[in-house]
Amino acid sequence: MPVVVLPPRAGLLVDSRMGTAAEDAAGASVDHLTETYQAHYRSLLRLAALLLDDLSTCEDVVQEAFIRVHAARRRVREPEKTLAYLRQTVVNLSRSTLRRRILGLRLLPKPMPDMASAEEGAYDALERDQLKTALRGLQRRQREVLVLRYYADMTEAQVADALGISLGSVKAYGSRGLAALRVLMEAEDD
């Protein structure tokens, strides 16, 4: 954990390189931290609750703040400012928690697009089978025109070219084929 060094006017922490052994020994006592815990735990929990969303995370943040202050208690120059240090630690830990959450959300895989249910897939398969069966019941030219026109998405002129028949024949076979297909599909539904 990086050591937070506040400006000298704040008087809360002293960088261990700057302080003397006497200043290090004069830090906040364990008894003082215990009293601070008993008196201010709930207020620090409320502070964390303002920044975070769930109680268990708030409790973890406040506990971690007390653990860190306890570990750095020898560097606290003015014990009466321990509460300020705890508040700042709670805020910093809350920010870190939120940052980790946001990063985790960014790294989540993107959800798949909505897919049809298994039931819808089964109905689609039945309809495809029914359509194939009905297409087999058509005349060969009607079937060819309908498949090229609607499945292959060709224009009437392209179908006429592909089959070597006139444009009028494509229109006639297509019209008659759709009418016959409609009759066959309705007959299978009954």
Protein backbone atom coordinates (compact mmCIF):
# COMPACT_ATOMS: atom_id res chain seq x y z
CA MET A 1 0.00 0.00 0.00
CA PRO A 2 1.41 3.42 -0.89
CA VAL A 3 1.98 5.75 2.03
CA VAL A 4 -0.26 8.81 1.94
CA VAL A 5 1.70 11.88 2.91
CA LEU A 6 -0.36 14.96 3.66
CA PRO A 7 1.15 18.45 3.62
CA PRO A 8 2.79 19.52 6.89
CA ARG A 9 -0.11 21.86 7.77
CA ALA A 10 -2.50 18.91 7.94
CA GLY A 11 -0.23 17.18 10.42
CA LEU A 12 -1.85 13.78 10.00
CA LEU A 13 0.92 11.60 8.59
CA VAL A 14 4.62 11.86 8.47
CA ASP A 15 6.61 10.10 5.80
CA SER A 16 8.88 7.62 7.59
CA ARG A 17 11.90 9.12 5.81
CA MET A 18 11.14 12.56 7.26
CA GLY A 19 10.21 11.65 10.85
CA THR A 20 12.48 10.79 13.74
CA ALA A 21 12.24 7.73 15.96
CA ALA A 22 10.62 9.81 18.72
CA GLU A 23 7.88 11.02 16.34
CA ASP A 24 7.26 7.45 15.13
CA ALA A 25 6.82 6.23 18.69
CA ALA A 26 4.37 9.05 19.47
CA GLY A 27 1.69 7.82 17.03
CA ALA A 28 -1.89 6.91 17.80
CA SER A 29 -2.20 4.21 20.42
CA VAL A 30 -4.19 1.02 20.05
CA ASP A 31 -6.48 2.23 22.85
CA HIS A 32 -7.16 5.45 20.92
CA LEU A 33 -8.00 3.44 17.79
CA THR A 34 -10.32 1.19 19.80
CA GLU A 35 -12.13 4.23 21.19
CA THR A 36 -12.37 5.73 17.70
CA TYR A 37 -13.77 2.46 16.40
CA GLN A 38 -16.44 2.30 19.09
CA ALA A 39 -17.42 5.95 18.71
CA HIS A 40 -17.31 6.38 14.93
CA TYR A 41 -17.82 3.00 13.27
CA ARG A 42 -21.48 3.72 12.42
CA SER A 43 -20.75 7.17 10.98
CA LEU A 44 -17.99 5.73 8.80
CA LEU A 45 -20.37 2.98 7.71
CA ARG A 46 -22.95 5.63 6.72
CA LEU A 47 -20.25 7.48 4.77
CA ALA A 48 -19.40 4.32 2.86
CA ALA A 49 -23.12 3.66 2.27
CA LEU A 50 -23.40 7.04 0.55
CA LEU A 51 -20.66 6.01 -1.85
CA LEU A 52 -21.43 2.31 -2.35
CA ASP A 53 -24.60 0.32 -2.83
CA ASP A 54 -24.56 -2.77 -0.62
CA LEU A 55 -24.04 -3.09 3.10
CA SER A 56 -21.54 -5.93 3.03
CA THR A 57 -19.18 -3.98 0.77
CA CYS A 58 -19.55 -0.92 3.02
CA GLU A 59 -18.64 -2.99 6.07
CA ASP A 60 -15.63 -4.42 4.25
CA VAL A 61 -14.45 -0.95 3.27
CA VAL A 62 -14.75 0.42 6.82
CA GLN A 63 -13.00 -2.61 8.31
CA GLU A 64 -10.20 -2.28 5.75
CA ALA A 65 -9.87 1.42 6.64
CA PHE A 66 -9.42 0.57 10.32
CA ILE A 67 -6.89 -2.14 9.45
CA ARG A 68 -4.85 0.29 7.37
CA VAL A 69 -4.94 3.01 10.02
CA HIS A 70 -3.92 0.47 12.64
CA ALA A 71 -0.97 -0.58 10.49
CA ALA A 72 0.08 3.08 10.04
CA ARG A 73 -0.74 4.20 13.60
CA ARG A 74 2.89 5.00 14.46
CA ARG A 75 2.98 7.57 11.66
CA VAL A 76 -0.10 9.47 12.84
CA ARG A 77 1.37 12.64 14.27
CA GLU A 78 -1.76 14.08 15.88
CA PRO A 79 -4.04 11.34 17.26
CA GLU A 80 -7.05 13.70 17.27
CA LYS A 81 -6.90 13.67 13.47
CA THR A 82 -7.24 9.88 13.29
CA LEU A 83 -10.93 10.22 12.41
CA ALA A 84 -10.12 12.49 9.47
CA TYR A 85 -7.58 9.93 8.25
CA LEU A 86 -10.18 7.16 8.61
CA ARG A 87 -12.76 9.16 6.64
CA GLN A 88 -10.31 9.80 3.83
CA THR A 89 -9.33 6.13 3.79
CA VAL A 90 -13.00 5.09 3.56
CA VAL A 91 -13.52 7.47 0.62
CA ASN A 92 -10.41 6.21 -1.17
CA LEU A 93 -11.30 2.56 -0.63
CA SER A 94 -14.84 3.21 -1.86
CA ARG A 95 -13.48 4.82 -5.01
CA SER A 96 -11.19 1.86 -5.58
CA THR A 97 -14.10 -0.55 -5.15
CA LEU A 98 -16.20 1.35 -7.67
CA ARG A 99 -13.27 1.48 -10.12
CA ARG A 100 -12.83 -2.29 -9.88
CA ARG A 101 -16.54 -2.81 -10.49
CA ILE A 102 -16.55 -0.58 -13.56
CA LEU A 103 -13.49 -2.33 -14.95
CA GLY A 104 -15.13 -5.69 -14.31
CA LEU A 105 -18.25 -4.59 -16.17
CA ARG A 106 -16.18 -3.44 -19.14
CA LEU A 107 -14.43 -6.79 -19.31
CA LEU A 108 -17.65 -8.84 -19.21
CA PRO A 109 -18.46 -10.53 -22.49
CA LYS A 110 -21.21 -8.84 -24.45
CA PRO A 111 -24.56 -10.60 -24.18
CA MET A 112 -25.67 -12.64 -27.13
CA PRO A 113 -28.52 -11.21 -29.17
CA ASP A 114 -31.95 -12.51 -28.31
CA MET A 115 -32.34 -15.95 -29.79
CA ALA A 116 -35.52 -17.78 -30.53
CA SER A 117 -36.69 -20.19 -27.89
CA ALA A 118 -36.47 -23.91 -28.48
CA GLU A 119 -40.21 -23.96 -29.02
CA GLU A 120 -40.00 -21.29 -31.72
CA GLY A 121 -37.15 -23.18 -33.34
CA ALA A 122 -39.25 -26.33 -33.41
CA TYR A 123 -42.16 -24.49 -35.02
CA ASP A 124 -39.83 -22.99 -37.61
CA ALA A 125 -38.46 -26.44 -38.43
CA LEU A 126 -41.99 -27.82 -38.83
CA GLU A 127 -42.95 -24.94 -41.12
CA ARG A 128 -39.80 -25.45 -43.22
CA ASP A 129 -40.57 -29.16 -43.53
CA GLN A 130 -44.16 -28.37 -44.46
CA LEU A 131 -42.98 -25.86 -47.09
CA LYS A 132 -40.48 -28.35 -48.57
CA THR A 133 -43.17 -30.99 -48.82
CA ALA A 134 -45.56 -28.53 -50.49
CA LEU A 135 -42.85 -27.40 -52.93
CA ARG A 136 -42.27 -31.01 -53.97
CA GLY A 137 -45.96 -31.18 -54.89
CA LEU A 138 -45.63 -28.37 -57.46
CA GLN A 139 -44.80 -28.73 -61.15
CA ARG A 140 -41.08 -28.65 -61.86
CA ARG A 141 -41.10 -25.21 -63.59
CA GLN A 142 -43.28 -23.64 -60.89
CA ARG A 143 -40.92 -24.96 -58.21
CA GLU A 144 -37.84 -23.70 -60.08
CA VAL A 145 -39.32 -20.22 -60.58
CA LEU A 146 -40.42 -19.89 -56.95
CA VAL A 147 -37.11 -21.12 -55.52
CA LEU A 148 -35.04 -18.83 -57.76
CA ARG A 149 -37.35 -15.87 -57.29
CA TYR A 150 -37.90 -16.01 -53.51
CA TYR A 151 -35.12 -18.19 -52.05
CA ALA A 152 -32.28 -17.02 -54.30
CA ASP A 153 -33.77 -13.49 -54.36
CA MET A 154 -33.43 -13.10 -58.14
CA THR A 155 -35.41 -10.66 -60.24
CA GLU A 156 -37.91 -11.97 -62.77
CA ALA A 157 -35.50 -11.08 -65.59
CA GLN A 158 -32.65 -12.99 -63.88
CA VAL A 159 -34.91 -16.03 -63.41
CA ALA A 160 -35.93 -15.89 -67.10
CA ASP A 161 -32.27 -15.76 -68.07
CA ALA A 162 -31.27 -18.61 -65.74
CA LEU A 163 -34.07 -20.91 -66.92
CA GLY A 164 -33.96 -19.86 -70.57
CA ILE A 165 -37.66 -18.91 -70.70
CA SER A 166 -39.49 -15.66 -71.41
CA LEU A 167 -40.30 -13.03 -68.80
CA GLY A 168 -44.04 -13.66 -69.29
CA SER A 169 -43.51 -17.38 -68.57
CA VAL A 170 -41.68 -16.56 -65.34
CA LYS A 171 -44.62 -14.38 -64.24
CA ALA A 172 -47.16 -17.06 -65.18
CA TYR A 173 -45.26 -19.93 -63.51
CA GLY A 174 -44.68 -17.77 -60.42
CA SER A 175 -48.32 -16.75 -60.11
CA ARG A 176 -49.67 -20.26 -60.63
CA GLY A 177 -46.98 -21.75 -58.38
CA LEU A 178 -47.86 -19.40 -55.47
CA ALA A 179 -51.56 -20.19 -55.82
CA ALA A 180 -50.85 -23.95 -55.86
CA LEU A 181 -48.43 -23.64 -52.94
CA ARG A 182 -51.06 -21.76 -50.91
CA VAL A 183 -53.60 -24.55 -51.53
CA LEU A 184 -51.08 -27.27 -50.60
CA MET A 185 -50.02 -25.50 -47.38
CA GLU A 186 -53.64 -24.98 -46.29
CA ALA A 187 -54.41 -28.63 -47.01
CA GLU A 188 -51.55 -29.74 -44.74
CA ASP A 189 -52.76 -27.47 -41.90
CA ASP A 190 -56.13 -29.25 -41.84
